[in-house]
N, C-alpha and C. Protein backbone atom coordinates (compact mmCIF):
# COMPACT_ATOMS: atom_id res chain seq x y z
N MET A 1 -2.36 -51.19 -26.89
CA MET A 1 -1.67 -50.26 -27.75
C MET A 1 -0.30 -49.97 -27.13
N SER A 2 0.75 -50.09 -27.91
CA SER A 2 2.09 -49.83 -27.37
C SER A 2 2.45 -48.35 -27.54
N THR A 3 3.24 -47.90 -26.63
CA THR A 3 3.71 -46.52 -26.68
C THR A 3 5.22 -46.55 -26.86
N SER A 4 5.71 -45.81 -27.84
CA SER A 4 7.16 -45.77 -28.03
C SER A 4 7.75 -44.60 -27.26
N LEU A 5 8.94 -44.83 -26.77
CA LEU A 5 9.65 -43.83 -25.99
C LEU A 5 10.52 -43.00 -26.91
N LEU A 6 10.38 -41.69 -26.86
CA LEU A 6 11.17 -40.79 -27.69
C LEU A 6 12.42 -40.39 -26.93
N THR A 7 13.56 -40.59 -27.54
CA THR A 7 14.83 -40.23 -26.92
C THR A 7 15.52 -39.20 -27.80
N ALA A 8 15.99 -38.14 -27.18
CA ALA A 8 16.71 -37.10 -27.92
C ALA A 8 18.04 -36.82 -27.26
N LYS A 9 19.04 -36.60 -28.07
CA LYS A 9 20.36 -36.23 -27.54
C LYS A 9 20.75 -34.91 -28.17
N THR A 10 21.22 -34.02 -27.35
CA THR A 10 21.67 -32.72 -27.81
C THR A 10 23.07 -32.48 -27.29
N ARG A 11 23.95 -32.04 -28.14
CA ARG A 11 25.31 -31.72 -27.71
C ARG A 11 25.45 -30.20 -27.69
N ILE A 12 25.83 -29.68 -26.54
CA ILE A 12 26.01 -28.25 -26.38
C ILE A 12 27.46 -28.00 -26.01
N ALA A 13 28.12 -27.15 -26.74
CA ALA A 13 29.52 -26.83 -26.44
C ALA A 13 29.59 -25.42 -25.87
N LEU A 14 29.92 -25.33 -24.61
CA LEU A 14 30.09 -24.05 -23.94
C LEU A 14 31.49 -24.00 -23.35
N PRO A 15 32.09 -22.82 -23.28
CA PRO A 15 33.44 -22.74 -22.71
C PRO A 15 33.52 -23.30 -21.29
N ASP A 16 32.50 -23.10 -20.50
CA ASP A 16 32.51 -23.55 -19.11
C ASP A 16 31.58 -24.74 -18.88
N SER A 17 31.33 -25.55 -19.92
CA SER A 17 30.36 -26.63 -19.78
C SER A 17 30.76 -27.64 -18.71
N ALA A 18 32.04 -27.98 -18.61
CA ALA A 18 32.47 -28.94 -17.59
C ALA A 18 32.20 -28.39 -16.20
N THR A 19 32.46 -27.10 -15.99
CA THR A 19 32.21 -26.48 -14.69
C THR A 19 30.72 -26.50 -14.37
N LEU A 20 29.88 -26.19 -15.35
CA LEU A 20 28.43 -26.20 -15.14
C LEU A 20 27.93 -27.60 -14.79
N ILE A 21 28.45 -28.60 -15.48
CA ILE A 21 28.04 -29.98 -15.22
C ILE A 21 28.46 -30.40 -13.82
N LYS A 22 29.68 -30.04 -13.42
CA LYS A 22 30.14 -30.38 -12.07
C LYS A 22 29.30 -29.69 -11.01
N GLN A 23 28.89 -28.45 -11.25
CA GLN A 23 28.03 -27.73 -10.31
C GLN A 23 26.65 -28.39 -10.23
N ALA A 24 26.10 -28.78 -11.37
CA ALA A 24 24.80 -29.46 -11.38
C ALA A 24 24.89 -30.79 -10.64
N ALA A 25 25.97 -31.53 -10.88
CA ALA A 25 26.15 -32.82 -10.20
C ALA A 25 26.22 -32.62 -8.69
N ALA A 26 26.96 -31.62 -8.25
CA ALA A 26 27.08 -31.35 -6.81
C ALA A 26 25.73 -30.98 -6.21
N PHE A 27 24.95 -30.16 -6.92
CA PHE A 27 23.63 -29.76 -6.44
C PHE A 27 22.72 -30.97 -6.25
N TYR A 28 22.65 -31.85 -7.28
CA TYR A 28 21.76 -33.00 -7.19
C TYR A 28 22.25 -34.04 -6.19
N ARG A 29 23.57 -34.18 -6.01
CA ARG A 29 24.09 -35.07 -4.97
C ARG A 29 23.62 -34.61 -3.60
N GLU A 30 23.66 -33.29 -3.36
CA GLU A 30 23.24 -32.72 -2.08
C GLU A 30 21.75 -32.93 -1.83
N HIS A 31 20.98 -33.14 -2.88
CA HIS A 31 19.53 -33.31 -2.75
C HIS A 31 19.11 -34.76 -2.94
N ASP A 32 20.01 -35.69 -2.60
CA ASP A 32 19.72 -37.13 -2.58
C ASP A 32 19.26 -37.69 -3.91
N CYS A 33 19.77 -37.17 -5.02
CA CYS A 33 19.46 -37.73 -6.33
C CYS A 33 20.60 -38.67 -6.73
N ASP A 34 20.29 -39.63 -7.59
CA ASP A 34 21.31 -40.53 -8.11
C ASP A 34 22.15 -39.79 -9.14
N VAL A 35 23.41 -39.62 -8.83
CA VAL A 35 24.33 -38.95 -9.74
C VAL A 35 25.56 -39.83 -9.86
N THR A 36 25.94 -40.16 -11.09
CA THR A 36 27.15 -40.94 -11.29
C THR A 36 28.11 -40.16 -12.17
N GLY A 37 29.37 -40.33 -11.93
CA GLY A 37 30.37 -39.62 -12.73
C GLY A 37 31.74 -39.87 -12.18
N ASP A 38 32.75 -39.34 -12.86
CA ASP A 38 34.10 -39.53 -12.37
C ASP A 38 34.63 -38.30 -11.65
N GLY A 39 33.80 -37.53 -11.06
CA GLY A 39 34.23 -36.42 -10.22
C GLY A 39 35.07 -35.39 -10.93
N GLU A 40 36.29 -35.25 -10.49
CA GLU A 40 37.16 -34.20 -10.99
C GLU A 40 38.01 -34.62 -12.19
N GLN A 41 37.79 -35.80 -12.73
CA GLN A 41 38.57 -36.27 -13.87
C GLN A 41 38.25 -35.43 -15.11
N THR A 42 39.01 -35.63 -16.18
CA THR A 42 38.80 -34.83 -17.38
C THR A 42 37.50 -35.16 -18.08
N ARG A 43 37.01 -36.36 -17.92
CA ARG A 43 35.73 -36.73 -18.54
C ARG A 43 34.73 -36.94 -17.43
N ILE A 44 33.57 -36.29 -17.56
CA ILE A 44 32.51 -36.45 -16.57
C ILE A 44 31.21 -36.73 -17.29
N SER A 45 30.47 -37.68 -16.79
CA SER A 45 29.16 -38.02 -17.33
C SER A 45 28.22 -38.16 -16.15
N VAL A 46 27.15 -37.40 -16.15
CA VAL A 46 26.23 -37.35 -15.03
C VAL A 46 24.84 -37.73 -15.51
N SER A 47 24.21 -38.69 -14.86
CA SER A 47 22.84 -39.07 -15.17
C SER A 47 21.95 -38.68 -13.99
N ILE A 48 20.93 -37.89 -14.26
CA ILE A 48 19.99 -37.46 -13.24
C ILE A 48 18.60 -37.84 -13.76
N GLY A 49 18.04 -38.90 -13.21
CA GLY A 49 16.78 -39.39 -13.74
C GLY A 49 16.95 -39.79 -15.19
N HIS A 50 16.17 -39.19 -16.08
CA HIS A 50 16.29 -39.50 -17.51
C HIS A 50 17.14 -38.47 -18.25
N ILE A 51 17.77 -37.55 -17.52
CA ILE A 51 18.62 -36.53 -18.13
C ILE A 51 20.08 -36.96 -18.01
N GLN A 52 20.81 -36.89 -19.09
CA GLN A 52 22.23 -37.23 -19.04
C GLN A 52 23.05 -36.05 -19.54
N LEU A 53 24.02 -35.62 -18.74
CA LEU A 53 24.92 -34.54 -19.10
C LEU A 53 26.33 -35.12 -19.19
N SER A 54 27.06 -34.77 -20.22
CA SER A 54 28.44 -35.25 -20.29
C SER A 54 29.32 -34.18 -20.90
N SER A 55 30.58 -34.22 -20.51
CA SER A 55 31.53 -33.23 -21.00
C SER A 55 32.94 -33.81 -20.95
N THR A 56 33.80 -33.28 -21.79
CA THR A 56 35.22 -33.60 -21.75
C THR A 56 35.97 -32.29 -21.61
N ASP A 57 36.79 -32.19 -20.56
CA ASP A 57 37.58 -30.96 -20.36
C ASP A 57 38.60 -30.80 -21.46
C-alpha cells in the first residue's frame, strides 16, 4: 500500500517576518541543524528539516 506525502505551504506576512526568520536561522545554526539561506541579503530562505521559511525584506 502506498502512502502519499501531504505538503502544505502557508504564507504569513508580518512586519518583522524577516527578522524572525533570521533569528530562527541563527538559533538552528547554533544547534547543528542544516540551515541554508543568503544571510543578511534582502531575500532569505531557510530550510530546517521539512520546514521551509522564506521572506523578502
